[in-house]
N, C-alpha and C. Protein backbone atom coordinates (compact mmCIF):
# COMPACT_ATOMS: atom_id res chain seq x y z
N MET A 1 48.51 -24.24 -24.65
CA MET A 1 48.11 -24.85 -26.63
C MET A 1 46.90 -24.40 -26.52
N PRO A 2 46.47 -24.11 -27.39
CA PRO A 2 45.04 -24.05 -28.25
C PRO A 2 43.74 -24.88 -27.36
N TYR A 3 43.02 -24.33 -27.07
CA TYR A 3 41.71 -25.67 -27.29
C TYR A 3 40.37 -25.24 -28.30
N PRO A 4 40.50 -26.17 -29.07
CA PRO A 4 39.42 -26.56 -29.90
C PRO A 4 38.44 -25.72 -29.90
N THR A 5 37.35 -25.40 -29.14
CA THR A 5 36.15 -25.13 -28.81
C THR A 5 36.31 -23.72 -28.05
N GLU A 6 37.55 -23.35 -27.38
CA GLU A 6 37.51 -22.33 -26.67
C GLU A 6 38.42 -21.30 -26.65
N HIS A 7 38.06 -19.81 -26.59
CA HIS A 7 39.40 -18.95 -26.65
C HIS A 7 39.89 -18.88 -24.62
N ALA A 8 41.29 -19.14 -24.79
CA ALA A 8 41.75 -19.25 -23.24
C ALA A 8 42.41 -17.63 -23.11
N ALA A 9 42.34 -16.91 -22.03
CA ALA A 9 42.74 -15.97 -21.33
C ALA A 9 43.50 -16.29 -20.03
N ARG A 10 44.76 -17.03 -19.77
CA ARG A 10 45.33 -17.11 -18.24
C ARG A 10 45.47 -16.05 -17.30
N ILE A 11 45.35 -15.58 -16.20
CA ILE A 11 45.52 -14.59 -16.05
C ILE A 11 46.62 -15.46 -14.55
N LYS A 12 46.79 -15.91 -14.39
CA LYS A 12 48.07 -17.00 -13.46
C LYS A 12 47.86 -18.06 -14.15
N GLN A 13 49.60 -18.45 -13.82
CA GLN A 13 49.85 -20.11 -14.38
C GLN A 13 49.96 -21.24 -13.60
N PRO A 14 48.93 -22.39 -14.37
CA PRO A 14 48.73 -23.06 -13.67
C PRO A 14 49.23 -24.07 -12.71
N GLY A 15 50.59 -23.22 -13.06
CA GLY A 15 51.41 -24.59 -12.03
C GLY A 15 51.80 -23.50 -10.87
N SER A 16 51.48 -22.79 -10.55
CA SER A 16 51.22 -22.69 -9.21
C SER A 16 49.85 -22.43 -8.49
N PHE A 17 49.16 -24.23 -8.48
CA PHE A 17 48.08 -24.60 -8.62
C PHE A 17 48.18 -25.11 -7.74
N GLN A 18 47.17 -25.90 -6.88
CA GLN A 18 47.18 -27.58 -6.08
C GLN A 18 46.63 -28.20 -7.18
N ALA A 19 47.40 -28.87 -7.57
CA ALA A 19 46.66 -30.39 -8.49
C ALA A 19 45.08 -31.13 -7.68
N ASP A 20 44.26 -31.01 -8.97
CA ASP A 20 43.48 -31.47 -8.54
C ASP A 20 42.18 -30.12 -7.85
N SER A 21 42.28 -29.20 -7.78
CA SER A 21 41.99 -28.14 -7.31
C SER A 21 41.01 -27.17 -8.32
N PHE A 22 41.25 -27.53 -9.76
CA PHE A 22 40.84 -26.62 -10.79
C PHE A 22 38.39 -27.00 -10.83
N ARG A 23 37.72 -25.71 -10.95
CA ARG A 23 36.53 -25.67 -11.05
C ARG A 23 36.76 -24.95 -12.04
N ARG A 24 35.52 -24.98 -12.82
CA ARG A 24 34.86 -24.24 -13.77
C ARG A 24 33.57 -23.36 -13.08
N VAL A 25 33.45 -22.34 -13.19
CA VAL A 25 32.52 -21.34 -12.67
C VAL A 25 31.74 -20.85 -14.59
N THR A 26 30.85 -20.59 -14.20
CA THR A 26 30.21 -19.94 -15.99
C THR A 26 29.33 -18.65 -15.25
N LEU A 27 30.32 -17.50 -15.83
CA LEU A 27 29.65 -16.43 -15.20
C LEU A 27 28.76 -15.92 -16.15
N ALA A 28 28.93 -15.81 -17.58
CA ALA A 28 27.48 -15.73 -18.41
C ALA A 28 27.34 -16.66 -19.79
N THR A 29 26.85 -16.60 -20.63
CA THR A 29 26.48 -17.28 -21.76
C THR A 29 27.96 -17.20 -22.83
N GLY A 30 28.75 -17.98 -22.72
CA GLY A 30 30.26 -18.69 -23.42
C GLY A 30 31.20 -17.50 -22.66
N ILE A 31 30.89 -17.63 -21.47
CA ILE A 31 32.24 -17.04 -21.04
C ILE A 31 31.86 -17.99 -19.45
N SER A 32 33.72 -18.82 -18.82
CA SER A 32 33.56 -19.32 -18.01
C SER A 32 34.96 -18.86 -17.38
N ALA A 33 34.68 -18.89 -16.00
CA ALA A 33 36.05 -18.77 -15.12
C ALA A 33 36.63 -20.57 -14.51
N ILE A 34 38.06 -20.26 -14.51
CA ILE A 34 38.77 -21.62 -14.41
C ILE A 34 39.55 -20.94 -12.66
N MET A 35 38.70 -21.64 -12.03
CA MET A 35 39.40 -21.29 -10.23
C MET A 35 40.04 -22.53 -10.29
N GLY A 36 41.03 -22.07 -8.98
CA GLY A 36 41.50 -23.05 -8.53
C GLY A 36 42.45 -22.63 -7.18
N LYS A 37 42.91 -23.21 -6.53
CA LYS A 37 43.27 -23.34 -4.94
C LYS A 37 45.36 -23.24 -4.73
N LEU A 38 45.87 -21.54 -4.75
CA LEU A 38 47.11 -21.64 -4.92
C LEU A 38 47.66 -22.77 -3.88
N LYS A 39 48.86 -23.16 -4.55
CA LYS A 39 49.82 -24.22 -3.65
C LYS A 39 49.27 -23.53 -2.33
N GLY A 40 49.86 -23.86 -1.49
CA GLY A 40 49.48 -23.05 0.04
C GLY A 40 48.50 -22.80 0.74
N SER A 41 47.35 -22.51 -0.42
CA SER A 41 45.90 -21.28 -0.16
C SER A 41 44.68 -22.75 0.38
N SER A 42 43.74 -22.07 0.85
CA SER A 42 42.37 -22.84 1.27
C SER A 42 41.75 -22.20 0.39
N SER A 43 41.58 -20.82 -0.12
CA SER A 43 40.47 -20.11 -0.84
C SER A 43 40.80 -20.12 -2.37
N MET A 44 39.69 -20.10 -2.98
CA MET A 44 39.91 -20.13 -4.33
C MET A 44 40.19 -18.87 -5.17
N THR A 45 40.73 -19.18 -6.18
CA THR A 45 41.36 -17.50 -6.68
C THR A 45 41.12 -18.39 -8.56
N LEU A 46 40.93 -17.15 -8.87
CA LEU A 46 41.42 -16.90 -10.64
C LEU A 46 41.98 -17.38 -11.22
N GLN A 47 42.05 -18.90 -12.06
CA GLN A 47 43.37 -19.05 -12.89
C GLN A 47 42.93 -18.37 -14.35
N ALA A 48 42.09 -18.57 -14.99
CA ALA A 48 41.71 -18.32 -16.48
C ALA A 48 40.35 -17.73 -16.77
N TYR A 49 40.07 -17.24 -17.76
CA TYR A 49 39.15 -17.31 -18.92
C TYR A 49 38.74 -17.75 -19.77
N ARG A 50 37.85 -18.78 -20.02
CA ARG A 50 36.96 -18.77 -20.98
C ARG A 50 36.08 -18.61 -22.26
N PHE A 51 36.52 -18.43 -23.40
CA PHE A 51 35.05 -17.80 -23.90
C PHE A 51 34.89 -18.96 -25.34
N ASP A 52 33.72 -19.38 -25.23
CA ASP A 52 33.23 -19.89 -25.78
C ASP A 52 33.52 -19.46 -27.78
N ARG A 53 33.96 -20.44 -28.43
CA ARG A 53 34.23 -19.35 -29.90
C ARG A 53 33.00 -19.49 -30.75
N LYS A 54 32.24 -20.58 -30.66
CA LYS A 54 30.53 -20.31 -31.31
C LYS A 54 29.79 -19.37 -30.91
N LYS A 55 30.35 -18.37 -29.51
CA LYS A 55 29.75 -17.08 -29.26
C LYS A 55 30.48 -16.17 -29.45
N PHE A 56 31.68 -16.22 -28.82
CA PHE A 56 32.79 -14.77 -29.06
C PHE A 56 33.59 -15.05 -30.31
N THR A 57 34.63 -14.37 -30.92
CA THR A 57 35.58 -14.18 -31.88
C THR A 57 36.27 -14.10 -30.46
N ALA A 58 37.82 -14.13 -31.34
CA ALA A 58 39.07 -13.68 -30.53
C ALA A 58 39.34 -12.24 -30.57
N ALA A 59 38.37 -11.46 -31.24
CA ALA A 59 38.80 -10.11 -31.47
C ALA A 59 37.83 -9.72 -30.05
N GLN A 60 36.57 -10.73 -30.19
CA GLN A 60 35.20 -9.95 -29.14
C GLN A 60 35.64 -10.52 -27.38
N ALA A 61 36.39 -11.42 -27.43
CA ALA A 61 37.06 -12.24 -26.05
C ALA A 61 38.10 -10.94 -25.69
N LYS A 62 38.48 -10.85 -26.46
CA LYS A 62 39.47 -9.08 -25.84
C LYS A 62 39.03 -8.25 -25.37
N LYS A 63 37.94 -7.95 -26.42
CA LYS A 63 37.22 -6.52 -26.00
C LYS A 63 36.32 -6.90 -24.65
N TRP A 64 36.02 -7.75 -24.81
CA TRP A 64 35.17 -7.96 -23.10
C TRP A 64 36.48 -8.49 -22.23
N LEU A 65 37.55 -8.87 -21.89
CA LEU A 65 38.02 -8.53 -21.12
C LEU A 65 38.95 -7.35 -20.79
N ALA A 66 39.18 -6.35 -22.11
CA ALA A 66 39.69 -4.94 -22.14
C ALA A 66 38.44 -4.04 -21.33
N ASP A 67 37.18 -4.38 -21.65
CA ASP A 67 36.25 -3.97 -20.84
C ASP A 67 36.02 -3.80 -19.62
N HIS A 68 36.52 -5.05 -19.11
CA HIS A 68 36.74 -5.38 -17.82
C HIS A 68 38.04 -5.44 -17.00
N LYS A 69 38.98 -4.73 -17.63
CA LYS A 69 39.71 -4.18 -16.91
C LYS A 69 40.98 -5.74 -16.45
N VAL A 70 40.73 -6.53 -17.46
CA VAL A 70 41.73 -7.52 -17.16
C VAL A 70 42.82 -7.43 -17.88
N LYS A 71 44.01 -8.25 -17.69
CA LYS A 71 44.80 -8.21 -18.13
C LYS A 71 45.59 -9.78 -18.03
N PRO A 72 45.33 -10.55 -18.77
CA PRO A 72 45.80 -11.62 -19.41
C PRO A 72 47.26 -11.47 -19.50
N ILE A 73 48.14 -12.78 -18.49
CA ILE A 73 49.25 -13.03 -19.00
C ILE A 73 49.70 -14.06 -20.63
N LEU A 74 48.53 -14.41 -20.72
CA LEU A 74 48.61 -14.53 -22.03
C LEU A 74 47.09 -15.05 -22.38
N PHE A 75 47.04 -14.93 -24.42
CA PHE A 75 46.02 -14.78 -24.72
C PHE A 75 45.97 -16.01 -25.55
N GLU A 76 45.12 -17.14 -25.78
CA GLU A 76 45.24 -18.37 -26.94
C GLU A 76 43.82 -18.41 -27.09
N PRO A 77 43.68 -17.55 -29.08
CA PRO A 77 42.45 -18.01 -29.96
C PRO A 77 42.03 -19.98 -29.87
N ALA A 78 40.66 -19.53 -30.17
CA ALA A 78 40.99 -21.60 -30.04
C ALA A 78 41.34 -21.98 -31.65
N SER A 79 41.81 -22.91 -31.19
CA SER A 79 42.71 -24.11 -32.84
C SER A 79 41.66 -24.08 -33.71
N ASN A 80 42.27 -24.45 -34.86
CA ASN A 80 41.30 -24.59 -35.74
C ASN A 80 41.39 -26.14 -35.79
N GLU A 81 41.90 -26.83 -34.79
CA GLU A 81 41.84 -28.06 -35.46
C GLU A 81 40.23 -28.37 -35.86
N GLU A 82 39.63 -28.45 -35.46
CA GLU A 82 37.91 -28.72 -35.39
C GLU A 82 37.87 -28.76 -36.62
N ALA A 83 38.24 -27.48 -37.06
CA ALA A 83 37.49 -26.73 -38.59
C ALA A 83 38.36 -27.91 -39.52
N ASN A 84 39.95 -27.89 -39.68
CA ASN A 84 40.76 -29.28 -40.15
C ASN A 84 40.60 -30.32 -40.13
N SER A 85 39.95 -31.00 -39.17
CA SER A 85 39.39 -32.19 -38.93
C SER A 85 38.16 -32.61 -39.75
N ASN A 86 37.10 -31.26 -39.63
CA ASN A 86 36.42 -31.50 -41.05
C ASN A 86 37.03 -31.03 -42.00
N ILE A 87 37.53 -30.40 -42.17
CA ILE A 87 38.05 -30.22 -43.74
C ILE A 87 39.08 -31.74 -43.90
N ARG A 88 39.60 -32.31 -43.55
CA ARG A 88 39.69 -33.79 -43.79
C ARG A 88 39.20 -34.78 -44.00
N LYS A 89 37.98 -34.44 -42.95
CA LYS A 89 37.00 -35.70 -43.29
C LYS A 89 36.36 -35.53 -44.66
N ALA A 90 36.46 -34.10 -44.80
CA ALA A 90 35.27 -34.28 -45.96
C ALA A 90 36.22 -34.51 -47.83
N ALA A 91 37.70 -34.98 -46.98
CA ALA A 91 38.71 -34.71 -47.90
C ALA A 91 38.79 -36.11 -48.62
N GLY A 92 38.29 -36.47 -47.38
CA GLY A 92 38.30 -38.39 -47.66
C GLY A 92 39.82 -38.50 -46.67
N LYS A 93 40.57 -37.52 -46.04
CA LYS A 93 41.80 -38.19 -45.43
C LYS A 93 41.89 -38.45 -44.03
């Protein structure tokens, strides 16, 4: 499911991880890594990258991934829910 404020690049399926083991780590301005413990493991593993939509377009996020030789299993651009919500408010709906 796309996030309204972030582009998401999935590296590993979230179901492969222990529940409640996820942590967010800031890598650079506008870029975060989601880390967690794989089931049966005690060390942290990268699950996904997240890109702030205010700092990165979807194309820029994909370029960053390619430049860093990251091949996600799924890339989801930020949803337009936030923008659609503002349009509905402005229209009085």
